[in-house]
Protein backbone atom coordinates (compact mmCIF):
# COMPACT_ATOMS: atom_id res chain seq x y z
CA MET A 1 -2.09 2.93 14.61
CA THR A 2 1.44 4.05 13.81
CA GLU A 3 3.48 4.71 10.70
CA VAL A 4 5.05 1.59 9.23
CA THR A 5 7.65 1.51 6.44
CA ILE A 6 7.20 -1.30 3.93
CA VAL A 7 10.07 -2.26 1.64
CA GLY A 8 9.34 -4.20 -1.53
CA ASP A 9 9.79 -3.03 -5.09
CA GLU A 10 9.41 0.45 -3.56
CA VAL A 11 9.72 1.95 -0.10
CA ARG A 12 6.26 2.91 1.15
CA THR A 13 5.05 4.36 4.45
CA VAL A 14 1.49 3.69 5.64
CA ALA A 15 -0.48 3.88 8.85
CA GLY A 16 -0.97 0.47 10.40
CA SER A 17 -0.82 -1.73 13.44
CA VAL A 18 2.28 -3.86 13.84
CA GLY A 19 2.99 -6.77 16.17
CA PRO A 20 5.17 -9.90 16.22
CA GLY A 21 4.83 -11.31 12.71
CA THR A 22 1.73 -9.25 11.95
CA LEU A 23 1.10 -6.04 10.08
CA LEU A 24 -2.44 -4.73 9.77
CA VAL A 25 -3.59 -1.81 7.61
CA PRO A 26 -7.02 -0.39 6.75
CA PRO A 27 -8.42 -1.90 3.53
CA ALA A 28 -8.20 1.50 1.84
CA SER A 29 -4.43 1.55 2.53
CA LEU A 30 -3.69 -1.82 0.91
CA PRO A 31 -2.94 -0.29 -2.54
CA ASP A 32 -0.49 2.14 -0.93
CA ALA A 33 1.10 -0.64 1.13
CA MET A 34 1.50 -3.34 -1.53
CA GLY A 35 0.03 -2.05 -4.78
CA TRP A 36 -2.91 -4.49 -4.58
CA GLU A 37 -6.62 -4.00 -3.93
CA LEU A 38 -8.93 -6.33 -2.03
CA LYS A 39 -12.10 -7.02 -4.02
CA PRO A 40 -14.90 -9.58 -3.56
CA SER A 41 -13.21 -11.70 -6.26
CA GLY A 42 -9.79 -11.59 -4.62
CA LEU A 43 -6.66 -9.46 -4.86
CA CYS A 44 -6.24 -7.23 -7.90
CA CYS A 45 -3.40 -5.09 -9.25
CA GLY A 46 -4.45 -3.31 -12.42
CA ASP A 47 -5.80 -5.92 -14.82
CA VAL A 48 -4.29 -8.81 -12.86
CA CYS A 49 -6.46 -10.53 -10.25
CA VAL A 50 -5.56 -13.42 -7.95
CA PRO A 51 -8.61 -15.37 -6.78
CA VAL A 52 -8.94 -15.75 -3.02
CA ALA A 53 -11.37 -18.39 -1.76
CA ASP A 54 -12.20 -16.45 1.39
CA PRO A 55 -11.32 -12.72 1.10
CA ALA A 56 -12.70 -12.21 4.61
CA GLY A 57 -9.93 -14.50 5.85
CA LEU A 58 -7.46 -11.74 4.99
CA LEU A 59 -9.09 -9.44 7.55
CA VAL A 60 -8.54 -9.12 11.30
CA ASP A 61 -11.07 -6.91 13.07
CA GLY A 62 -11.77 -5.09 9.84
CA MET A 63 -8.05 -4.55 9.05
CA VAL A 64 -6.14 -6.25 6.25
CA ASP A 65 -3.45 -8.67 7.42
CA LEU A 66 -0.53 -8.01 5.05
CA ALA A 67 1.16 -11.26 6.00
CA ALA A 68 -1.99 -13.11 4.89
CA VAL A 69 -2.05 -11.08 1.68
CA ALA A 70 1.59 -11.96 1.03
CA ALA A 71 0.82 -15.65 1.57
CA ALA A 72 -2.13 -15.44 -0.85
CA LEU A 73 0.20 -13.93 -3.44
CA GLY A 74 2.89 -16.54 -2.82
CA ARG A 75 5.30 -14.00 -1.33
CA GLN A 76 7.36 -13.95 1.84
CA VAL A 77 7.30 -11.21 4.48
CA VAL A 78 9.56 -10.22 7.36
CA VAL A 79 8.23 -7.84 10.01
CA ASP A 80 10.25 -6.01 12.67
CA PRO A 81 7.58 -4.59 15.01
CA ALA A 82 9.98 -2.63 17.21
CA ALA A 83 11.54 -0.85 14.23
CA ARG A 84 8.13 -0.55 12.49
CA LEU A 85 9.67 -2.02 9.34
CA ALA A 86 8.49 -4.77 7.02
CA ALA A 87 9.86 -6.24 3.81
CA PHE A 88 8.10 -8.27 1.13
CA SER A 89 9.59 -10.55 -1.49
CA LEU A 90 8.93 -10.03 -5.18
CA PRO A 91 6.71 -12.37 -7.23
CA SER A 92 8.61 -15.64 -7.52
CA GLU A 93 7.00 -16.37 -10.89
CA GLU A 94 8.95 -13.45 -12.40
CA ARG A 95 12.22 -15.09 -11.36
CA ARG A 96 11.06 -18.45 -12.71
CA ARG A 97 10.21 -16.79 -16.02
CA ALA A 98 13.75 -15.46 -16.13
CA LEU A 99 15.42 -18.77 -15.20
CA GLU A 100 13.12 -21.21 -16.99
CA GLY A 101 11.40 -19.06 -19.62
CA LEU A 102 14.45 -16.86 -20.30
CA ARG A 103 12.31 -13.71 -20.23
CA ALA A 104 14.06 -10.66 -18.78
CA PRO A 105 12.06 -9.10 -15.91
CA ALA A 106 11.34 -5.42 -16.53
CA VAL A 107 12.73 -4.29 -13.19
CA THR A 108 12.75 -0.54 -12.49
CA LEU A 109 15.86 0.92 -10.82
CA PRO A 110 17.17 4.46 -10.33
CA ASP A 111 20.22 5.92 -12.00
CA LEU A 112 22.79 7.75 -9.90
CA ASP A 113 20.75 10.96 -10.17
CA GLY A 114 17.62 9.22 -8.90
CA SER A 115 15.73 8.98 -12.20
CA PRO A 116 13.92 5.62 -12.57
CA HIS A 117 14.57 3.36 -15.55
CA ARG A 118 12.88 0.15 -16.68
CA PHE A 119 15.08 -2.39 -18.39
CA ASP A 120 12.66 -2.67 -21.28
CA GLU A 121 13.21 0.96 -22.25
CA TRP A 122 16.29 -0.35 -24.10
CA ARG A 123 14.20 -2.91 -25.99
CA GLY A 124 15.33 -3.12 -29.60
CA ARG A 125 19.01 -3.26 -28.62
CA LYS A 126 21.14 -6.14 -27.50
CA ARG A 127 22.06 -5.54 -23.85
CA LEU A 128 24.82 -6.71 -21.58
CA LEU A 129 23.55 -6.44 -18.00
CA VAL A 130 26.56 -6.14 -15.68
CA ALA A 131 25.95 -6.49 -11.94
CA PHE A 132 28.86 -5.01 -9.99
CA SER A 133 29.43 -3.13 -6.74
CA SER A 134 31.57 -0.52 -5.05
CA TRP A 135 32.58 -3.24 -2.55
CA CYS A 136 33.95 -5.47 -5.31
CA GLY A 137 37.15 -5.09 -7.29
CA CYS A 138 34.97 -5.44 -10.40
CA ARG A 139 34.15 -1.73 -9.96
CA GLU A 140 37.46 -1.14 -11.76
CA ASP A 141 36.09 -2.91 -14.85
CA LEU A 142 33.66 -0.14 -15.81
CA PRO A 143 36.12 1.43 -18.29
CA GLY A 144 36.59 -1.97 -19.91
CA TRP A 145 32.86 -2.32 -20.38
CA GLN A 146 32.88 1.25 -21.75
CA ALA A 147 35.34 0.23 -24.44
CA LEU A 148 33.10 -2.71 -25.40
CA HIS A 149 30.04 -0.45 -25.38
CA ASP A 150 31.76 2.09 -27.67
CA GLU A 151 32.95 -0.63 -30.04
CA LEU A 152 29.60 -2.38 -30.42
CA SER A 153 27.11 0.46 -29.98
CA PRO A 154 26.89 1.01 -33.77
CA TYR A 155 25.64 -2.59 -34.03
CA GLY A 156 22.65 -1.95 -31.72
CA PHE A 157 24.28 -2.85 -28.41
CA THR A 158 24.46 -1.27 -24.97
CA VAL A 159 25.95 -2.11 -21.62
CA ILE A 160 23.72 -1.55 -18.58
CA ALA A 161 25.61 -1.62 -15.29
CA VAL A 162 23.77 -2.12 -12.00
CA ALA A 163 25.55 -1.48 -8.71
CA ILE A 164 24.40 -3.62 -5.79
CA ASP A 165 24.86 -0.70 -3.42
CA HIS A 166 22.83 1.24 -0.89
CA THR A 167 23.56 4.80 -2.12
CA PRO A 168 24.66 6.40 -5.40
CA GLU A 169 27.44 8.29 -3.61
CA VAL A 170 29.52 5.15 -3.08
CA VAL A 171 29.18 4.27 -6.79
CA ARG A 172 29.76 7.67 -8.39
CA PRO A 173 33.58 7.81 -7.92
CA PHE A 174 33.94 4.83 -10.29
CA THR A 175 31.76 6.21 -13.10
CA ASP A 176 33.88 9.08 -14.37
CA GLY A 177 33.96 8.87 -18.16
CA ILE A 178 31.21 6.22 -18.31
CA SER A 179 28.44 7.00 -20.81
CA TYR A 180 26.36 3.82 -20.72
CA PRO A 181 23.53 3.58 -18.15
CA VAL A 182 24.67 2.99 -14.56
CA LEU A 183 21.86 2.16 -12.14
CA TYR A 184 21.95 1.14 -8.50
CA ASP A 185 19.92 -1.38 -6.54
CA PRO A 186 19.62 -0.48 -2.83
CA GLN A 187 16.87 -3.04 -2.17
CA HIS A 188 18.55 -5.94 -4.02
CA LEU A 189 15.62 -6.27 -6.42
CA LEU A 190 17.88 -7.34 -9.27
CA THR A 191 19.54 -10.05 -7.21
CA GLU A 192 16.13 -11.49 -6.34
CA LEU A 193 14.54 -11.30 -9.79
CA TYR A 194 17.60 -12.71 -11.58
CA ALA A 195 18.84 -15.01 -8.77
CA ILE A 196 22.17 -13.19 -8.59
CA SER A 197 24.39 -14.23 -5.69
CA ASN A 198 27.80 -12.92 -6.74
CA VAL A 199 29.38 -10.00 -8.56
CA PRO A 200 30.45 -9.55 -11.22
CA THR A 201 27.54 -11.31 -12.88
CA VAL A 202 26.62 -10.63 -16.50
CA VAL A 203 23.40 -11.42 -18.36
CA TRP A 204 22.93 -11.20 -22.12
CA ILE A 205 19.51 -9.86 -23.18
CA ASP A 206 18.43 -9.59 -26.81
CA GLU A 207 16.33 -7.01 -28.64
CA GLU A 208 13.06 -8.68 -27.61
CA ASP A 209 13.79 -8.96 -23.87
CA ARG A 210 14.86 -12.59 -24.13
CA ILE A 211 17.72 -13.80 -21.97
CA VAL A 212 20.06 -15.54 -24.38
CA ARG A 213 22.82 -16.20 -21.85
CA PRO A 214 21.80 -16.14 -18.18
CA ASN A 215 23.90 -15.30 -15.14
CA SER A 216 27.56 -15.92 -15.85
CA TYR A 217 30.87 -14.74 -14.52
CA ALA A 218 32.96 -12.29 -16.55
CA PHE A 219 35.28 -9.31 -16.33
CA GLY A 220 35.65 -6.27 -18.56
CA THR A 221 39.44 -6.11 -18.09
CA ASP A 222 42.30 -8.38 -17.05
CA THR A 223 42.92 -6.33 -13.89
CA PHE A 224 42.18 -9.33 -11.66
CA ALA A 225 43.09 -12.16 -14.03
CA SER A 226 46.06 -13.25 -11.91
CA PHE A 227 43.81 -13.44 -8.84
CA THR A 228 40.72 -15.01 -10.38
CA GLY A 229 42.24 -17.00 -13.22
CA VAL A 230 39.56 -15.53 -15.51
CA GLU A 231 40.68 -13.58 -18.57
CA GLU A 232 38.57 -11.01 -20.34
CA ALA A 233 39.14 -12.19 -23.92
CA PRO A 234 36.93 -15.32 -24.14
CA HIS A 235 33.86 -13.48 -22.88
CA LEU A 236 34.43 -10.24 -24.80
CA ASP A 237 35.04 -12.16 -28.03
CA ALA A 238 31.86 -14.16 -27.45
CA VAL A 239 29.88 -10.93 -26.95
CA ARG A 240 31.31 -9.57 -30.20
CA SER A 241 30.26 -12.72 -32.08
CA TRP A 242 26.76 -12.49 -30.62
CA VAL A 243 26.28 -8.78 -31.37
CA ARG A 244 27.80 -8.78 -34.85
CA HIS A 245 26.85 -12.24 -36.11
CA GLY A 246 24.12 -13.60 -33.82
CA VAL A 247 26.36 -16.44 -32.65
CA LEU A 248 25.78 -17.70 -29.09
CA PRO A 249 28.17 -19.80 -26.96
CA GLN A 250 25.29 -22.20 -26.22
CA PRO A 251 21.77 -22.49 -27.66
CA ALA A 252 18.85 -21.39 -25.49
CA ASP A 253 17.72 -24.96 -24.83
CA GLU A 254 21.08 -25.74 -23.22
CA VAL A 255 21.07 -22.75 -20.86
CA ARG A 256 17.37 -22.86 -19.98
CA GLY A 257 17.11 -23.76 -16.30
CA SER A 258 20.90 -23.91 -15.95
CA VAL A 259 20.87 -21.29 -13.17
CA ALA A 260 19.42 -22.64 -9.93
CA ASP A 261 16.51 -20.79 -8.37
CA LEU A 262 16.92 -19.03 -5.04
CA SER A 263 15.95 -21.07 -2.02
CA ASP A 264 13.31 -19.76 0.39
CA ASP A 265 16.13 -18.93 2.82
CA GLU A 266 18.00 -16.95 0.17
CA VAL A 267 14.86 -14.96 -0.61
CA ARG A 268 14.26 -14.37 3.08
CA ALA A 269 17.86 -13.21 3.48
CA ARG A 270 17.14 -10.45 0.97
CA LEU A 271 14.15 -9.33 3.05
CA HIS A 272 16.31 -9.02 6.14
CA PHE A 273 18.84 -7.13 4.04
CA ARG A 274 16.11 -4.72 2.88
CA ILE A 275 15.12 -4.02 6.45
CA ALA A 276 18.78 -3.52 7.40
CA SER A 277 19.33 -1.19 4.45
CA GLU A 278 16.35 0.95 5.42
CA ALA A 279 17.49 0.97 9.05
CA TYR A 280 20.95 2.07 7.88
CA ARG A 281 19.41 5.08 6.17
CA ARG A 282 17.71 5.90 9.47
CA GLY A 283 20.93 5.50 11.42
CA ASP A 284 19.56 2.64 13.55
CA GLY A 285 22.69 0.55 14.01
CA ASP A 286 21.14 -2.08 16.30
CA VAL A 287 18.49 -2.97 13.71
CA VAL A 288 21.15 -3.00 10.97
CA ARG A 289 23.32 -5.48 12.86
CA GLU A 290 20.40 -7.71 13.85
CA HIS A 291 19.01 -8.12 10.36
CA LEU A 292 22.34 -8.41 8.58
CA ALA A 293 23.29 -11.20 10.98
CA LEU A 294 20.04 -12.98 10.13
CA ALA A 295 20.54 -12.39 6.40
CA THR A 296 24.08 -13.79 6.50
CA GLU A 297 22.96 -16.81 8.49
CA LEU A 298 20.24 -17.59 5.95
CA ALA A 299 22.50 -17.12 2.90
CA PRO A 300 26.07 -17.86 4.03
CA ASP A 301 27.36 -18.45 0.48
CA ASP A 302 25.75 -15.37 -1.09
CA LEU A 303 28.32 -12.60 -1.56
CA THR A 304 25.60 -10.10 -2.46
CA VAL A 305 24.44 -10.63 1.12
CA TRP A 306 27.44 -11.20 3.37
CA ARG A 307 30.04 -9.11 1.53
CA ALA A 308 27.50 -6.38 0.76
CA ALA A 309 26.80 -6.27 4.51
CA MET A 310 30.39 -5.37 5.38
CA PRO A 311 30.25 -1.64 4.46
CA LEU A 312 26.97 -1.27 6.36
CA LEU A 313 28.66 -2.76 9.41
CA GLY A 314 31.69 -0.52 9.11
CA GLU A 315 33.89 -3.43 7.98
CA ASP A 316 36.40 -3.36 5.14
CA PRO A 317 35.11 -5.42 2.18
CA PHE A 318 38.71 -5.68 0.97
CA GLY A 319 40.21 -6.50 4.37
CA ASN A 320 41.43 -9.65 6.09
CA ALA A 321 37.94 -10.63 7.27
CA PHE A 322 36.78 -10.72 3.66
CA PHE A 323 39.71 -12.83 2.44
CA GLU A 324 39.32 -15.31 5.31
CA ARG A 325 35.67 -15.82 4.48
CA TYR A 326 36.38 -15.80 0.77
CA ASP A 327 38.91 -18.61 1.21
CA ARG A 328 36.25 -20.70 2.98
CA TRP A 329 33.80 -19.97 0.18
CA GLN A 330 36.36 -21.04 -2.40
CA ALA A 331 37.07 -24.24 -0.44
CA GLN A 332 33.38 -25.12 -0.86
CA GLY A 333 33.68 -24.84 -4.65
CA SER A 334 32.75 -21.15 -4.97
CA PRO A 335 28.99 -21.79 -5.07
CA PHE A 336 26.93 -19.17 -6.87
CA HIS A 337 23.83 -18.93 -9.04
CA GLY A 338 25.26 -18.88 -12.53
CA LEU A 339 27.35 -20.39 -15.29
CA PRO A 340 31.15 -20.68 -15.12
CA ALA A 341 33.25 -18.10 -16.89
CA LEU A 342 33.67 -18.65 -20.62
CA GLY A 343 37.03 -20.21 -21.33
CA ARG A 344 37.02 -22.22 -18.10
CA ASP A 345 35.43 -25.57 -17.36
CA GLY A 346 33.57 -26.53 -14.23
CA PRO A 347 32.21 -24.63 -11.21
CA ASP A 348 35.69 -23.54 -10.11
CA GLY A 349 35.46 -20.95 -12.87
CA ALA A 350 33.11 -18.98 -10.60
CA VAL A 351 35.33 -16.96 -8.32
CA GLN A 352 35.00 -13.54 -6.76
CA GLY A 353 36.89 -10.48 -7.96
């Protein structure tokens, strides 16, 4: 056996045996590897148990086959045997609850100092979840969101910004003077659980963890209005009406299911990205390039994949290569998982900043 790093909702290292498409661990290591336990009745995690018709079918020569476990749990897995890396998808039912049931997943992410935070720790306040990144011009909007946060905080409101970035160091230069929570998402957990494929993406979450306006496109300032054609005012005014008066742009029944689910390929792209991100931390450039190429091939229209890959590949996310690809993306109608910007009609309201 050898040490294998497994990337899912956490990064875990366990002793196992890895081969092409297979990853075997001792039964006693399954909780450390995936957070689940194999029992005669099936797979259990705390009080939750998933029945398995033939638990012995998850074993190979007395070892637990993690790929088989993932399949039993309805999750995808990507294994790189040479790099001794594996990545698992998150439970797809959590994303469906967000998109169809409008229930906000209680994802846990670190702040820039490494302290973990669960989204539901701000339960009881209206929340504006803002997905941004250091590789997006929307990083310049943080002061605009700060002004909104300061204005509406007395009404029980907070902004929560999440950077789709691999380290806090690349985010920190843009957070001077920011007092609302700023988290970062090196494993792209948020993009999987909320089906986010572009930044900036905002999500409105009420006091009881209900999503009242799912993924949509908005800016905190007019810095890029001439480039995107999206002005700040319609969205900011709508947030004010919601926080102060409970008025929503659309009722829940109209926005339920309005954001398309991720395809299997888009989920798998995130697994390759997780492996690449972990390889980047190790300094293994060949593995980084291999898996980012696979991720981009699987999700060619997902900017949280292909543009997020550029800094890891040493490419300029604001350079000519970006704008050439961005123009092609725009020519396809700027596809992304979300609603158009408020104040604009049709899918062409969804453009990248």
